[in-house]
Amino acid sequence: MIQFAAPILVVSALPQTIKLYQRKSSEDISIITYFLTWIGIGLILTEAEGGVFIANLSSFIMVTINLYLIIYYRVEAVRNTGKSY
């Protein structure tokens, strides 16, 4: 079953990544949720081996991309409009 985990985790994060990129906005997304997920997956990676490591690494990469986009678009919004979060 573990061979299905990595693709499912990557696919589950993809819609949010696409939405962030298309809208160029992250105002309706909880950065705390993504940050806590990022920390949790990072902690799992410290102990994981084999397929579990690969599955969580792929998820970690997707969450990292989403976190980057959330922070990037929030900084851009503050620069362009002065709106703070």
N, C-alpha and C. Protein backbone atom coordinates (compact mmCIF):
# COMPACT_ATOMS: atom_id res chain seq x y z
N MET A 1 0.80 -1.20 0.00
CA MET A 1 0.00 0.00 0.00
C MET A 1 0.84 1.27 0.00
N ILE A 2 2.05 1.19 0.54
CA ILE A 2 2.87 2.39 0.64
C ILE A 2 3.22 2.97 -0.73
N GLN A 3 3.24 2.13 -1.77
CA GLN A 3 3.57 2.63 -3.10
C GLN A 3 2.52 3.60 -3.63
N PHE A 4 1.33 3.60 -3.03
CA PHE A 4 0.27 4.52 -3.43
C PHE A 4 0.31 5.82 -2.63
N ALA A 5 1.04 5.82 -1.52
CA ALA A 5 1.04 6.98 -0.63
C ALA A 5 1.66 8.21 -1.27
N ALA A 6 2.82 8.07 -1.88
CA ALA A 6 3.50 9.23 -2.46
C ALA A 6 2.66 9.91 -3.54
N PRO A 7 2.15 9.16 -4.52
CA PRO A 7 1.33 9.84 -5.54
C PRO A 7 0.08 10.49 -4.95
N ILE A 8 -0.54 9.86 -3.97
CA ILE A 8 -1.74 10.44 -3.36
C ILE A 8 -1.39 11.73 -2.62
N LEU A 9 -0.29 11.73 -1.89
CA LEU A 9 0.11 12.93 -1.16
C LEU A 9 0.46 14.07 -2.12
N VAL A 10 1.15 13.76 -3.19
CA VAL A 10 1.52 14.80 -4.16
C VAL A 10 0.26 15.34 -4.85
N VAL A 11 -0.60 14.43 -5.28
CA VAL A 11 -1.82 14.84 -5.97
C VAL A 11 -2.73 15.65 -5.04
N SER A 12 -2.74 15.32 -3.76
CA SER A 12 -3.60 16.04 -2.83
C SER A 12 -3.17 17.50 -2.66
N ALA A 13 -1.90 17.79 -2.81
CA ALA A 13 -1.40 19.16 -2.66
C ALA A 13 -1.44 19.94 -3.98
N LEU A 14 -1.53 19.24 -5.08
CA LEU A 14 -1.47 19.90 -6.39
C LEU A 14 -2.59 20.91 -6.64
N PRO A 15 -3.85 20.62 -6.31
CA PRO A 15 -4.89 21.62 -6.58
C PRO A 15 -4.63 22.96 -5.89
N GLN A 16 -4.12 22.92 -4.66
CA GLN A 16 -3.82 24.17 -3.96
C GLN A 16 -2.66 24.90 -4.62
N THR A 17 -1.65 24.16 -5.06
CA THR A 17 -0.52 24.77 -5.75
C THR A 17 -0.98 25.45 -7.03
N ILE A 18 -1.80 24.78 -7.78
CA ILE A 18 -2.32 25.35 -9.04
C ILE A 18 -3.16 26.59 -8.75
N LYS A 19 -4.03 26.51 -7.75
CA LYS A 19 -4.87 27.65 -7.39
C LYS A 19 -4.02 28.85 -6.96
N LEU A 20 -3.02 28.61 -6.14
CA LEU A 20 -2.13 29.69 -5.72
C LEU A 20 -1.45 30.35 -6.91
N TYR A 21 -0.94 29.53 -7.79
CA TYR A 21 -0.21 30.06 -8.95
C TYR A 21 -1.13 30.82 -9.90
N GLN A 22 -2.32 30.30 -10.14
CA GLN A 22 -3.25 30.96 -11.06
C GLN A 22 -3.79 32.26 -10.50
N ARG A 23 -4.16 32.26 -9.23
CA ARG A 23 -4.77 33.45 -8.63
C ARG A 23 -3.74 34.48 -8.21
N LYS A 24 -2.50 34.06 -8.02
CA LYS A 24 -1.45 34.96 -7.54
C LYS A 24 -1.85 35.64 -6.23
N SER A 25 -2.58 34.88 -5.41
CA SER A 25 -3.07 35.40 -4.13
C SER A 25 -3.15 34.25 -3.13
N SER A 26 -2.88 34.57 -1.86
CA SER A 26 -2.96 33.54 -0.83
C SER A 26 -3.74 34.03 0.39
N GLU A 27 -4.56 35.04 0.18
CA GLU A 27 -5.23 35.64 1.33
C GLU A 27 -6.26 34.74 2.00
N ASP A 28 -6.79 33.77 1.29
CA ASP A 28 -7.80 32.90 1.88
C ASP A 28 -7.25 31.54 2.33
N ILE A 29 -5.94 31.45 2.49
CA ILE A 29 -5.29 30.19 2.86
C ILE A 29 -4.61 30.35 4.21
N SER A 30 -4.78 29.36 5.08
CA SER A 30 -4.18 29.40 6.41
C SER A 30 -2.70 29.01 6.34
N ILE A 31 -1.85 29.96 6.61
CA ILE A 31 -0.41 29.69 6.61
C ILE A 31 -0.04 28.83 7.82
N ILE A 32 -0.78 28.96 8.91
CA ILE A 32 -0.49 28.17 10.11
C ILE A 32 -0.68 26.68 9.82
N THR A 33 -1.75 26.34 9.12
CA THR A 33 -2.00 24.94 8.78
C THR A 33 -0.86 24.37 7.95
N TYR A 34 -0.43 25.11 6.94
CA TYR A 34 0.66 24.63 6.10
C TYR A 34 1.97 24.55 6.87
N PHE A 35 2.22 25.51 7.74
CA PHE A 35 3.46 25.50 8.52
C PHE A 35 3.49 24.31 9.47
N LEU A 36 2.37 24.04 10.14
CA LEU A 36 2.33 22.89 11.06
C LEU A 36 2.45 21.57 10.30
N THR A 37 1.82 21.49 9.13
CA THR A 37 1.95 20.29 8.30
C THR A 37 3.40 20.10 7.88
N TRP A 38 4.05 21.18 7.50
CA TRP A 38 5.45 21.15 7.08
C TRP A 38 6.35 20.64 8.21
N ILE A 39 6.11 21.14 9.42
CA ILE A 39 6.89 20.70 10.58
C ILE A 39 6.63 19.21 10.86
N GLY A 40 5.37 18.81 10.83
CA GLY A 40 5.02 17.42 11.10
C GLY A 40 5.65 16.46 10.12
N ILE A 41 5.58 16.78 8.84
CA ILE A 41 6.19 15.92 7.82
C ILE A 41 7.70 15.91 7.98
N GLY A 42 8.28 17.06 8.29
CA GLY A 42 9.72 17.13 8.51
C GLY A 42 10.16 16.22 9.66
N LEU A 43 9.37 16.19 10.72
CA LEU A 43 9.69 15.31 11.85
C LEU A 43 9.57 13.85 11.47
N ILE A 44 8.56 13.52 10.68
CA ILE A 44 8.41 12.13 10.20
C ILE A 44 9.63 11.73 9.37
N LEU A 45 10.13 12.65 8.55
CA LEU A 45 11.28 12.35 7.69
C LEU A 45 12.52 11.99 8.49
N THR A 46 12.64 12.51 9.71
CA THR A 46 13.83 12.21 10.50
C THR A 46 13.88 10.75 10.94
N GLU A 47 12.73 10.09 10.98
CA GLU A 47 12.67 8.69 11.44
C GLU A 47 12.30 7.71 10.33
N ALA A 48 11.78 8.19 9.22
CA ALA A 48 11.24 7.31 8.18
C ALA A 48 12.33 6.62 7.38
N GLU A 49 11.98 5.48 6.82
CA GLU A 49 12.89 4.72 5.96
C GLU A 49 12.13 4.22 4.74
N GLY A 50 12.86 3.97 3.69
CA GLY A 50 12.30 3.33 2.49
C GLY A 50 11.14 4.07 1.87
N GLY A 51 10.07 3.33 1.63
CA GLY A 51 8.89 3.87 0.97
C GLY A 51 8.21 4.97 1.77
N VAL A 52 8.23 4.84 3.08
CA VAL A 52 7.63 5.87 3.93
C VAL A 52 8.40 7.18 3.78
N PHE A 53 9.72 7.09 3.69
CA PHE A 53 10.54 8.28 3.50
C PHE A 53 10.23 8.94 2.17
N ILE A 54 10.16 8.16 1.10
CA ILE A 54 9.87 8.69 -0.23
C ILE A 54 8.50 9.35 -0.26
N ALA A 55 7.50 8.69 0.31
CA ALA A 55 6.14 9.23 0.33
C ALA A 55 6.10 10.57 1.07
N ASN A 56 6.75 10.63 2.21
CA ASN A 56 6.74 11.86 2.98
C ASN A 56 7.64 12.93 2.39
N LEU A 57 8.71 12.54 1.74
CA LEU A 57 9.57 13.52 1.09
C LEU A 57 8.82 14.22 -0.04
N SER A 58 8.07 13.47 -0.83
CA SER A 58 7.31 14.09 -1.91
C SER A 58 6.25 15.03 -1.34
N SER A 59 5.62 14.65 -0.27
CA SER A 59 4.63 15.52 0.38
C SER A 59 5.32 16.75 0.96
N PHE A 60 6.47 16.57 1.56
CA PHE A 60 7.24 17.68 2.13
C PHE A 60 7.59 18.70 1.06
N ILE A 61 7.98 18.23 -0.10
CA ILE A 61 8.33 19.12 -1.22
C ILE A 61 7.11 19.93 -1.66
N MET A 62 5.96 19.27 -1.80
CA MET A 62 4.76 19.97 -2.22
C MET A 62 4.31 21.00 -1.18
N VAL A 63 4.37 20.65 0.08
CA VAL A 63 3.99 21.59 1.14
C VAL A 63 4.98 22.76 1.17
N THR A 64 6.25 22.49 0.94
CA THR A 64 7.25 23.55 0.88
C THR A 64 6.96 24.51 -0.26
N ILE A 65 6.61 23.98 -1.42
CA ILE A 65 6.26 24.83 -2.57
C ILE A 65 5.05 25.69 -2.22
N ASN A 66 4.03 25.08 -1.62
CA ASN A 66 2.83 25.85 -1.25
C ASN A 66 3.15 26.91 -0.21
N LEU A 67 3.95 26.58 0.78
CA LEU A 67 4.35 27.56 1.78
C LEU A 67 5.09 28.73 1.14
N TYR A 68 6.00 28.42 0.23
CA TYR A 68 6.74 29.46 -0.46
C TYR A 68 5.78 30.39 -1.21
N LEU A 69 4.84 29.80 -1.95
CA LEU A 69 3.89 30.61 -2.72
C LEU A 69 3.01 31.45 -1.81
N ILE A 70 2.56 30.88 -0.69
CA ILE A 70 1.74 31.64 0.26
C ILE A 70 2.50 32.84 0.77
N ILE A 71 3.72 32.62 1.22
CA ILE A 71 4.53 33.73 1.75
C ILE A 71 4.86 34.73 0.66
N TYR A 72 5.24 34.25 -0.51
CA TYR A 72 5.60 35.14 -1.62
C TYR A 72 4.43 36.07 -1.99
N TYR A 73 3.24 35.49 -2.16
CA TYR A 73 2.10 36.31 -2.57
C TYR A 73 1.63 37.23 -1.46
N ARG A 74 1.82 36.86 -0.22
CA ARG A 74 1.47 37.78 0.87
C ARG A 74 2.43 38.95 0.94
N VAL A 75 3.71 38.68 0.74
CA VAL A 75 4.69 39.78 0.71
C VAL A 75 4.40 40.71 -0.46
N GLU A 76 4.07 40.15 -1.61
CA GLU A 76 3.72 40.97 -2.78
C GLU A 76 2.49 41.82 -2.52
N ALA A 77 1.49 41.26 -1.85
CA ALA A 77 0.27 42.01 -1.54
C ALA A 77 0.57 43.19 -0.61
N VAL A 78 1.44 42.95 0.35
CA VAL A 78 1.83 44.03 1.27
C VAL A 78 2.60 45.11 0.53
N ARG A 79 3.48 44.72 -0.35
CA ARG A 79 4.24 45.68 -1.14
C ARG A 79 3.35 46.51 -2.06
N ASN A 80 2.39 45.85 -2.69
CA ASN A 80 1.56 46.53 -3.70
C ASN A 80 0.39 47.30 -3.12
N THR A 81 -0.16 46.85 -2.01
CA THR A 81 -1.36 47.49 -1.48
C THR A 81 -1.19 48.02 -0.07
N GLY A 82 -0.19 47.59 0.62
CA GLY A 82 0.00 47.98 2.01
C GLY A 82 -0.87 47.18 2.95
N LYS A 83 -1.62 46.21 2.42
CA LYS A 83 -2.50 45.37 3.24
C LYS A 83 -1.66 44.39 4.05
N SER A 84 -1.92 44.31 5.34
CA SER A 84 -1.18 43.37 6.18
C SER A 84 -2.06 42.18 6.54
N TYR A 85 -1.42 41.10 6.92
CA TYR A 85 -2.14 39.87 7.25
C TYR A 85 -2.09 39.62 8.73
